[in-house]
Amino acid sequence: MNIVCRPSALSGTVRAIPSKSDAHRKLICAALSENGGTLPLRPPFCDDIAATVRCLTALGAAFTETPDGLRVTPVTRQAHAELDCGESGSTLRFLLPVAMCVCDNIAVTGHGRLPERPIDTLTEAMSAHGVQFSGGKLPLNAVGTLTGGVYEIAGNISSQFLSGLLMALPLCESDSEIRLTTALQSSKYVDMTLDTLRLFGAEITVSEQDGFLRYTIKGKQKLHFSDEITIDGDWSNAAFWLAAGAVGDGRPVTVSGLDPDSTQGDKAITEFLRDAGTDVQWNANGITVSGGAMREINVSMEEIPDLLPILAVCAACADGTSHFTNAERLRIKESDRLSAVAELLHLIGGQADELPDGLTVRGGQLTGGTVDAHNDHRLVMAAAVAALRCTESVTILGAEAVNKSYPTFFADYRHLGGIAEISD
């Protein structure tokens, strides 16, 4: 599907969708709990959440849509399961260790760029603890039972490896310790995992030795679903609406349903927009951003990598030259986001220099043009926001990639006054 977005201005209020990051974790913990329960999640599910539901179903869980949300019936041990992770890196990396605690053997597949994304750090750690793999990339088969013990993994490749182990190891027969061998990046996502596990009653202790984090996890733990469990609003996707307010003509955009105290790292978007000179206000309705002249944006991306596409668009609309550093991990996302974002900006009249581990973006007038989304949901949304400031329309090729995280994005875009039309 191709979408043509025409220059316009957004204004009004939109409610944040449920956080994909939070939903993954709570779906998994609910499925691993003794009692199950109902999560406030309703269709349409984004592709990544649908992948997690599909894989948990294969592992013996059951899901029922009710007026109150999605009822989760816990997993039952399976002899064999076929796990189709779609294009969801979170589903793969979270459920690979979890599956080997509740299933004897699995066959795992993925689509899009997922088979190219590295998981060897995780498979090597699991191979040393009771699991045998047919290979290091998808598709693969795994057999065995994950055991406790001491795990040593790097913290600077993917925080999802650590999160997957943290969700699995409480189920093991013996106690475990995870020792990081490097500094942890994207630490807020691990904090979210720990908060979720503790909400379900897990006991995990965090300490530090020789400057690196360690996680001590008791074995034979039982997770328990509490009636008070909610799902956070999604800061990662709300960032696109807040940025739309920042690059607009002064008309405010408000996002409701966000928690200012959320552990989601991408809530830092408010700090970056405020530092760039936009007006950011919390009020009774939510958080409101009004645009104006923006200054350059200089950000180290190691803790908030998903914000790069939309921050780069903001930088292209700002005065001066912006610098985004420590972003080398973005090359192994749904696309090579450093290359793809630089290409996007060039194709619509912007100026960006791709560096080995970052981007330099010079502000100026965007003209419009045709861009390839590279099957990356965040590039689709970034291009749609960029179109607001272009002199001509922006055609987005492969705009259906937005379904990965936000299937109602273009409906909300139009609700706020954006012009987005399906093109042949």
Protein backbone atom coordinates (compact mmCIF):
# COMPACT_ATOMS: atom_id res chain seq x y z
CA MET A 1 0.00 0.00 0.00
CA ASN A 2 1.25 3.45 -0.94
CA ILE A 3 0.05 6.57 0.89
CA VAL A 4 0.26 10.17 -0.31
CA CYS A 5 0.52 12.71 2.52
CA ARG A 6 -0.09 16.33 1.55
CA PRO A 7 1.20 19.42 3.41
CA SER A 8 -1.20 20.29 6.23
CA ALA A 9 -1.26 21.11 9.92
CA LEU A 10 -2.35 18.79 12.71
CA SER A 11 -4.25 19.96 15.76
CA GLY A 12 -6.55 18.49 18.39
CA THR A 13 -6.37 15.55 20.77
CA VAL A 14 -5.51 11.91 20.16
CA ARG A 15 -5.39 9.13 22.75
CA ALA A 16 -2.17 7.15 23.05
CA ILE A 17 -2.48 3.54 21.96
CA PRO A 18 -1.48 0.79 24.44
CA SER A 19 2.27 0.44 24.77
CA LYS A 20 3.59 -2.39 22.62
CA SER A 21 6.58 -2.77 24.95
CA ASP A 22 4.37 -2.99 28.04
CA ALA A 23 1.83 -5.28 26.37
CA HIS A 24 4.47 -7.82 25.27
CA ARG A 25 5.74 -8.17 28.82
CA LYS A 26 2.37 -8.36 30.53
CA LEU A 27 0.96 -10.82 28.01
CA ILE A 28 3.92 -13.12 28.61
CA CYS A 29 3.80 -12.83 32.39
CA ALA A 30 0.02 -13.34 32.39
CA ALA A 31 0.46 -16.48 30.28
CA LEU A 32 3.14 -17.75 32.69
CA SER A 33 1.12 -16.97 35.82
CA GLU A 34 -0.70 -19.57 37.89
CA ASN A 35 -4.12 -17.98 37.57
CA GLY A 36 -4.26 -15.84 34.42
CA GLY A 37 -6.50 -12.79 34.17
CA THR A 38 -7.83 -10.06 31.91
CA LEU A 39 -5.58 -7.42 30.36
CA PRO A 40 -7.10 -4.15 29.05
CA LEU A 41 -6.16 -4.94 25.44
CA ARG A 42 -8.64 -4.89 22.58
CA PRO A 43 -8.40 -5.39 18.81
CA PRO A 44 -7.14 -4.33 16.43
CA PHE A 45 -3.80 -5.64 17.68
CA CYS A 46 -0.66 -4.46 15.96
CA ASP A 47 1.30 -7.13 14.10
CA ASP A 48 3.93 -7.52 16.83
CA ILE A 49 1.38 -8.08 19.62
CA ALA A 50 -0.51 -10.49 17.36
CA ALA A 51 2.75 -12.43 16.94
CA THR A 52 3.22 -12.72 20.71
CA VAL A 53 -0.39 -13.86 21.17
CA ARG A 54 0.05 -16.40 18.36
CA CYS A 55 3.25 -17.84 19.85
CA LEU A 56 1.87 -18.00 23.39
CA THR A 57 -1.15 -19.85 21.99
CA ALA A 58 1.22 -22.36 20.39
CA LEU A 59 2.81 -22.80 23.83
CA GLY A 60 -0.57 -23.76 25.33
CA ALA A 61 -2.04 -20.44 26.44
CA ALA A 62 -5.55 -19.36 25.43
CA PHE A 63 -6.93 -15.88 24.76
CA THR A 64 -10.56 -14.79 24.81
CA GLU A 65 -11.89 -11.37 23.84
CA THR A 66 -14.27 -10.02 26.50
CA PRO A 67 -15.95 -6.65 27.11
CA ASP A 68 -13.25 -5.91 29.70
CA GLY A 69 -10.30 -6.82 27.49
CA LEU A 70 -8.27 -9.89 26.62
CA ARG A 71 -8.72 -12.84 28.97
CA VAL A 72 -5.49 -14.84 29.32
CA THR A 73 -5.54 -18.53 30.27
CA PRO A 74 -2.02 -19.66 31.29
CA VAL A 75 0.23 -21.98 29.27
CA THR A 76 0.24 -25.74 29.70
CA ARG A 77 3.40 -27.66 28.99
CA GLN A 78 3.71 -28.76 25.37
CA ALA A 79 5.82 -31.50 23.83
CA HIS A 80 6.30 -29.45 20.65
CA ALA A 81 5.38 -25.97 19.45
CA GLU A 82 5.65 -24.10 16.15
CA LEU A 83 6.45 -20.45 16.85
CA ASP A 84 5.90 -17.97 14.01
CA CYS A 85 7.33 -14.69 15.31
CA GLY A 86 6.32 -12.70 12.23
CA GLU A 87 8.62 -9.69 12.06
CA SER A 88 8.67 -9.10 15.81
CA GLY A 89 12.13 -9.04 17.38
CA SER A 90 10.57 -8.65 20.83
CA THR A 91 8.47 -11.79 20.37
CA LEU A 92 11.49 -13.82 19.27
CA ARG A 93 13.93 -12.62 21.90
CA PHE A 94 11.49 -12.72 24.80
CA LEU A 95 9.92 -16.08 24.00
CA LEU A 96 12.96 -18.09 22.93
CA PRO A 97 14.15 -18.64 26.54
CA VAL A 98 10.59 -18.69 27.91
CA ALA A 99 9.54 -21.40 25.46
CA MET A 100 12.38 -23.68 26.56
CA CYS A 101 11.01 -23.57 30.12
CA VAL A 102 7.51 -24.71 29.11
CA CYS A 103 8.08 -26.81 25.98
CA ASP A 104 10.31 -29.77 25.12
CA ASN A 105 11.17 -28.69 21.58
CA ILE A 106 10.25 -25.84 19.28
CA ALA A 107 10.51 -24.81 15.65
CA VAL A 108 10.87 -21.05 15.19
CA THR A 109 10.32 -18.99 12.05
CA GLY A 110 10.26 -15.29 11.24
CA HIS A 111 9.67 -13.01 8.30
CA GLY A 112 10.93 -9.78 6.77
CA ARG A 113 14.30 -8.76 8.15
CA LEU A 114 13.90 -10.78 11.38
CA PRO A 115 15.93 -13.80 10.17
CA GLU A 116 18.85 -11.42 9.55
CA ARG A 117 18.77 -9.86 13.00
CA PRO A 118 21.37 -11.40 15.35
CA ILE A 119 20.36 -13.67 18.22
CA ASP A 120 23.65 -15.52 18.72
CA THR A 121 24.34 -13.79 22.05
CA LEU A 122 21.12 -15.30 23.38
CA THR A 123 21.43 -18.74 21.76
CA GLU A 124 25.01 -19.12 22.97
CA ALA A 125 23.97 -18.31 26.55
CA MET A 126 21.09 -20.78 26.35
CA SER A 127 23.29 -23.46 24.73
CA ALA A 128 25.45 -23.40 27.85
CA HIS A 129 22.35 -24.07 29.94
CA GLY A 130 20.56 -27.09 28.61
CA VAL A 131 19.25 -26.07 25.18
CA GLN A 132 20.47 -27.36 21.82
CA PHE A 133 19.89 -25.25 18.69
CA SER A 134 19.95 -26.32 15.06
CA GLY A 135 21.57 -23.00 14.10
CA GLY A 136 22.16 -19.41 15.10
CA LYS A 137 19.54 -17.71 12.90
CA LEU A 138 15.95 -18.27 11.87
CA PRO A 139 14.50 -20.64 10.94
CA LEU A 140 15.76 -22.87 13.72
CA ASN A 141 14.81 -25.75 15.98
CA ALA A 142 15.58 -26.02 19.67
CA VAL A 143 15.35 -28.94 22.08
CA GLY A 144 16.00 -29.31 25.79
CA THR A 145 15.07 -27.56 29.02
CA LEU A 146 16.56 -24.25 30.08
CA THR A 147 18.46 -24.59 33.35
CA GLY A 148 19.47 -22.09 35.98
CA GLY A 149 23.01 -21.16 36.90
CA VAL A 150 25.35 -18.33 35.96
CA TYR A 151 24.76 -16.50 32.68
CA GLU A 152 27.27 -14.04 31.23
CA ILE A 153 26.00 -11.82 28.40
CA ALA A 154 26.85 -8.47 26.87
CA GLY A 155 24.56 -5.59 27.74
CA ASN A 156 25.25 -3.45 24.69
CA ILE A 157 23.78 -5.60 21.88
CA SER A 158 20.07 -5.94 22.73
CA SER A 159 18.35 -5.37 26.04
CA GLN A 160 15.71 -7.84 24.80
CA PHE A 161 18.13 -10.74 25.34
CA LEU A 162 18.37 -9.80 29.00
CA SER A 163 14.61 -9.25 29.31
CA GLY A 164 13.88 -12.67 27.81
CA LEU A 165 16.17 -14.39 30.30
CA LEU A 166 14.72 -12.40 33.20
CA MET A 167 11.23 -13.63 32.28
CA ALA A 168 12.34 -17.24 31.87
CA LEU A 169 14.78 -17.90 34.71
CA PRO A 170 12.27 -17.60 37.60
CA LEU A 171 10.63 -20.73 36.11
CA CYS A 172 13.82 -22.81 36.29
CA GLU A 173 14.37 -25.44 38.96
CA SER A 174 17.53 -23.82 40.37
CA ASP A 175 18.57 -20.27 41.19
CA SER A 176 20.30 -18.12 38.56
CA GLU A 177 22.54 -15.13 38.21
CA ILE A 178 22.93 -13.00 35.09
CA ARG A 179 26.26 -11.18 34.88
CA LEU A 180 26.60 -8.42 32.28
CA THR A 181 30.01 -8.22 30.67
CA THR A 182 29.50 -4.68 29.30
CA ALA A 183 27.53 -1.62 30.27
CA LEU A 184 23.79 -1.96 29.70
CA GLN A 185 22.17 0.04 26.90
CA SER A 186 18.42 0.71 26.61
CA SER A 187 18.27 0.19 30.37
CA LYS A 188 14.74 1.63 30.65
CA TYR A 189 13.39 -1.37 28.75
CA VAL A 190 15.01 -3.70 31.28
CA ASP A 191 13.55 -1.60 34.10
CA MET A 192 10.13 -2.13 32.49
CA THR A 193 10.72 -5.89 32.46
CA LEU A 194 11.75 -5.91 36.12
CA ASP A 195 8.76 -3.78 37.12
CA THR A 196 6.42 -6.16 35.29
CA LEU A 197 7.93 -9.28 36.83
CA ARG A 198 7.72 -7.78 40.30
CA LEU A 199 4.11 -6.80 39.63
CA PHE A 200 3.48 -10.51 39.06
CA GLY A 201 5.32 -11.37 42.30
CA ALA A 202 8.76 -12.40 41.00
CA GLU A 203 11.82 -11.93 43.23
CA ILE A 204 14.83 -10.52 41.39
CA THR A 205 17.71 -8.66 43.01
CA VAL A 206 19.90 -6.20 41.09
CA SER A 207 23.45 -5.43 42.21
CA GLU A 208 26.70 -4.21 40.71
CA GLN A 209 30.16 -5.73 40.63
CA ASP A 210 33.24 -4.34 38.90
CA GLY A 211 31.05 -1.66 37.34
CA PHE A 212 28.64 -4.08 35.65
CA LEU A 213 25.12 -5.11 36.66
CA ARG A 214 24.17 -8.49 38.07
CA TYR A 215 20.71 -9.99 38.45
CA THR A 216 20.01 -12.68 41.05
CA ILE A 217 16.89 -14.75 40.37
CA LYS A 218 15.37 -17.40 42.62
CA GLY A 219 14.24 -20.59 40.91
CA LYS A 220 10.86 -22.37 41.16
CA GLN A 221 8.97 -19.08 41.38
CA LYS A 222 5.23 -18.78 40.75
CA LEU A 223 3.85 -15.72 39.00
CA HIS A 224 0.45 -14.41 40.06
CA PHE A 225 -1.93 -12.18 38.10
CA SER A 226 -3.32 -9.22 40.04
CA ASP A 227 -6.63 -7.55 39.16
CA GLU A 228 -4.94 -4.12 39.19
CA ILE A 229 -2.75 -4.74 36.15
CA THR A 230 -3.04 -2.09 33.43
CA ILE A 231 -1.23 -1.32 30.16
CA ASP A 232 0.71 1.93 29.77
CA GLY A 233 0.03 4.35 26.94
CA ASP A 234 2.69 4.09 24.25
CA TRP A 235 5.31 6.87 24.46
CA SER A 236 7.23 5.55 21.44
CA ASN A 237 4.31 6.05 19.08
CA ALA A 238 2.97 9.14 20.87
CA ALA A 239 6.32 10.75 20.04
CA PHE A 240 5.17 11.15 16.43
CA TRP A 241 2.12 13.22 17.45
CA LEU A 242 4.15 15.32 19.87
CA ALA A 243 6.69 15.95 17.12
CA ALA A 244 3.84 16.85 14.76
CA GLY A 245 2.87 19.57 17.21
CA ALA A 246 6.49 20.73 17.36
CA VAL A 247 6.97 21.05 13.59
CA GLY A 248 3.52 22.54 12.97
CA ASP A 249 2.38 26.12 12.55
CA GLY A 250 1.68 26.76 16.22
CA ARG A 251 -1.58 24.88 16.56
CA PRO A 252 -1.39 22.54 19.57
CA VAL A 253 -1.45 18.75 19.44
CA THR A 254 -2.47 16.94 22.63
CA VAL A 255 -1.88 13.28 23.47
CA SER A 256 -3.93 11.81 26.31
CA GLY A 257 -3.49 8.50 28.11
CA LEU A 258 0.24 8.86 28.84
CA ASP A 259 1.83 8.34 32.25
CA PRO A 260 4.43 11.01 33.12
CA ASP A 261 5.98 8.54 35.58
CA SER A 262 6.24 5.68 33.07
CA THR A 263 9.49 3.74 32.93
CA GLN A 264 9.39 3.93 29.11
CA GLY A 265 12.58 5.64 28.00
CA ASP A 266 10.93 7.29 25.01
CA LYS A 267 9.07 9.72 27.25
CA ALA A 268 12.35 11.67 26.93
CA ILE A 269 10.87 13.06 23.69
CA THR A 270 9.31 15.81 25.81
CA GLU A 271 12.73 16.92 27.09
CA PHE A 272 14.23 16.99 23.60
CA LEU A 273 11.34 19.00 22.16
CA ARG A 274 11.39 21.46 25.06
CA ASP A 275 15.16 21.89 24.77
CA ALA A 276 14.70 22.58 21.05
CA GLY A 277 12.42 25.51 21.86
CA THR A 278 8.90 24.10 21.56
CA ASP A 279 6.17 24.64 24.13
CA VAL A 280 5.47 21.42 26.06
CA GLN A 281 2.72 21.48 28.67
CA TRP A 282 1.00 18.91 30.87
CA ASN A 283 -2.68 19.66 31.48
CA ALA A 284 -5.89 17.91 32.49
CA ASN A 285 -6.28 16.43 29.01
CA GLY A 286 -2.74 15.09 28.62
CA ILE A 287 0.46 16.49 27.19
CA THR A 288 0.27 19.32 24.65
CA VAL A 289 2.98 20.49 22.25
CA SER A 290 2.82 23.72 20.25
CA GLY A 291 5.34 24.52 17.56
CA GLY A 292 7.55 27.47 16.84
CA ALA A 293 11.11 28.10 15.74
CA MET A 294 13.17 25.08 16.76
CA ARG A 295 16.87 24.95 17.60
CA GLU A 296 19.22 22.11 16.73
CA ILE A 297 18.86 18.76 18.56
CA ASN A 298 21.92 16.95 19.87
CA VAL A 299 21.18 13.55 21.40
CA SER A 300 23.06 10.37 22.27
CA MET A 301 20.76 7.55 21.16
CA GLU A 302 21.92 4.52 23.15
CA GLU A 303 18.99 4.68 25.61
CA ILE A 304 16.25 5.78 23.18
CA PRO A 305 17.09 4.30 19.74
CA ASP A 306 13.48 4.20 18.52
CA LEU A 307 13.24 8.00 18.64
CA LEU A 308 15.85 8.55 15.94
CA PRO A 309 13.53 8.66 12.89
CA ILE A 310 11.19 11.28 14.31
CA LEU A 311 13.95 13.31 15.98
CA ALA A 312 15.77 13.43 12.64
CA VAL A 313 12.61 14.82 11.01
CA CYS A 314 12.39 17.46 13.74
CA ALA A 315 16.05 18.31 13.16
CA ALA A 316 15.41 18.73 9.43
CA CYS A 317 12.76 21.32 10.32
CA ALA A 318 14.92 23.12 12.89
CA ASP A 319 17.54 25.84 12.59
CA GLY A 320 21.18 24.82 12.66
CA THR A 321 22.89 21.44 12.54
CA SER A 322 21.83 18.53 14.75
CA HIS A 323 23.92 15.55 15.81
CA PHE A 324 22.70 12.05 16.72
CA THR A 325 25.39 9.80 18.16
CA ASN A 326 25.89 6.30 19.64
CA ALA A 327 23.28 4.87 17.29
CA GLU A 328 25.15 1.98 15.65
CA ARG A 329 22.57 -0.56 16.94
CA LEU A 330 19.98 1.07 14.69
CA ARG A 331 21.54 -0.71 11.74
CA ILE A 332 19.93 -4.00 12.90
CA LYS A 333 16.36 -2.79 13.36
CA GLU A 334 13.50 -3.42 10.90
CA SER A 335 15.72 -1.54 8.46
CA ASP A 336 19.21 -0.13 8.65
CA ARG A 337 17.69 2.96 10.23
CA LEU A 338 20.78 5.15 9.95
CA SER A 339 20.94 4.58 6.21
CA ALA A 340 17.17 4.59 5.71
CA VAL A 341 16.53 7.80 7.68
CA ALA A 342 19.32 9.62 5.82
CA GLU A 343 17.83 8.41 2.53
CA LEU A 344 14.32 9.51 3.56
CA LEU A 345 15.49 13.04 4.35
CA HIS A 346 17.48 13.33 1.11
CA LEU A 347 14.49 12.21 -0.96
CA ILE A 348 12.25 14.95 0.46
CA GLY A 349 14.81 17.73 0.13
CA GLY A 350 16.57 17.48 3.49
CA GLN A 351 20.27 17.32 4.27
CA ALA A 352 21.69 14.46 6.32
CA ASP A 353 25.10 12.84 6.57
CA GLU A 354 25.22 9.17 7.56
CA LEU A 355 28.04 8.33 9.96
CA PRO A 356 29.19 4.89 11.14
CA ASP A 357 27.33 5.33 14.43
CA GLY A 358 25.03 8.29 13.89
CA LEU A 359 23.56 11.05 11.76
CA THR A 360 24.24 14.72 11.20
CA VAL A 361 21.14 16.63 10.05
CA ARG A 362 21.06 20.19 8.76
CA GLY A 363 17.83 22.12 8.99
CA GLY A 364 16.12 23.77 6.05
CA GLN A 365 13.03 23.67 3.86
CA LEU A 366 11.69 20.23 2.97
CA THR A 367 10.25 19.89 -0.51
CA GLY A 368 8.49 16.51 -0.72
CA GLY A 369 8.94 13.49 -2.95
CA THR A 370 8.66 9.70 -2.93
CA VAL A 371 10.19 7.61 -0.14
CA ASP A 372 10.57 3.88 0.45
CA ALA A 373 9.54 2.81 3.97
CA HIS A 374 11.90 -0.18 3.80
CA ASN A 375 9.24 -2.23 5.64
CA ASP A 376 9.88 -0.12 8.76
CA HIS A 377 6.89 1.17 10.71
CA ARG A 378 8.79 4.07 12.25
CA LEU A 379 9.93 5.31 8.84
CA VAL A 380 6.31 5.37 7.67
CA MET A 381 5.25 7.52 10.60
CA ALA A 382 8.30 9.77 10.35
CA ALA A 383 7.63 10.41 6.65
CA ALA A 384 3.99 11.26 7.37
CA VAL A 385 5.03 13.83 9.97
CA ALA A 386 7.70 15.24 7.65
CA ALA A 387 5.02 15.80 4.99
CA LEU A 388 3.41 18.39 7.26
CA ARG A 389 6.38 20.71 6.62
CA CYS A 390 6.98 19.96 2.94
CA THR A 391 6.02 22.28 0.08
CA GLU A 392 4.74 19.33 -1.97
CA SER A 393 3.24 15.96 -1.16
CA VAL A 394 5.17 12.95 0.16
CA THR A 395 4.39 9.51 -1.28
CA ILE A 396 5.22 6.66 1.10
CA LEU A 397 5.86 3.31 -0.59
CA GLY A 398 5.01 0.29 1.55
CA ALA A 399 3.03 2.26 4.12
CA GLU A 400 1.37 -0.93 5.36
CA ALA A 401 4.51 -1.47 7.47
CA VAL A 402 2.86 0.84 10.03
CA ASN A 403 0.68 -2.14 11.06
CA LYS A 404 3.68 -3.56 12.91
CA SER A 405 3.03 -1.21 15.84
CA TYR A 406 0.18 1.20 15.00
CA PRO A 407 -2.51 -0.08 12.60
CA THR A 408 -4.77 2.95 13.22
CA PHE A 409 -2.02 5.54 12.65
CA PHE A 410 -3.44 7.03 9.46
CA ALA A 411 -6.97 7.12 10.90
CA ASP A 412 -5.62 9.18 13.80
CA TYR A 413 -3.55 11.30 11.38
CA ARG A 414 -6.71 12.22 9.48
CA HIS A 415 -8.62 12.78 12.74
CA LEU A 416 -6.07 15.46 13.64
CA GLY A 417 -6.46 17.14 10.26
CA GLY A 418 -3.79 15.41 8.23
CA ILE A 419 -4.32 14.62 4.56
CA ALA A 420 -3.39 11.02 3.72
CA GLU A 421 -4.73 9.29 0.62
CA ILE A 422 -4.20 5.76 -0.65
CA SER A 423 -2.38 5.75 -3.97
CA ASP A 424 -2.14 3.10 -6.69
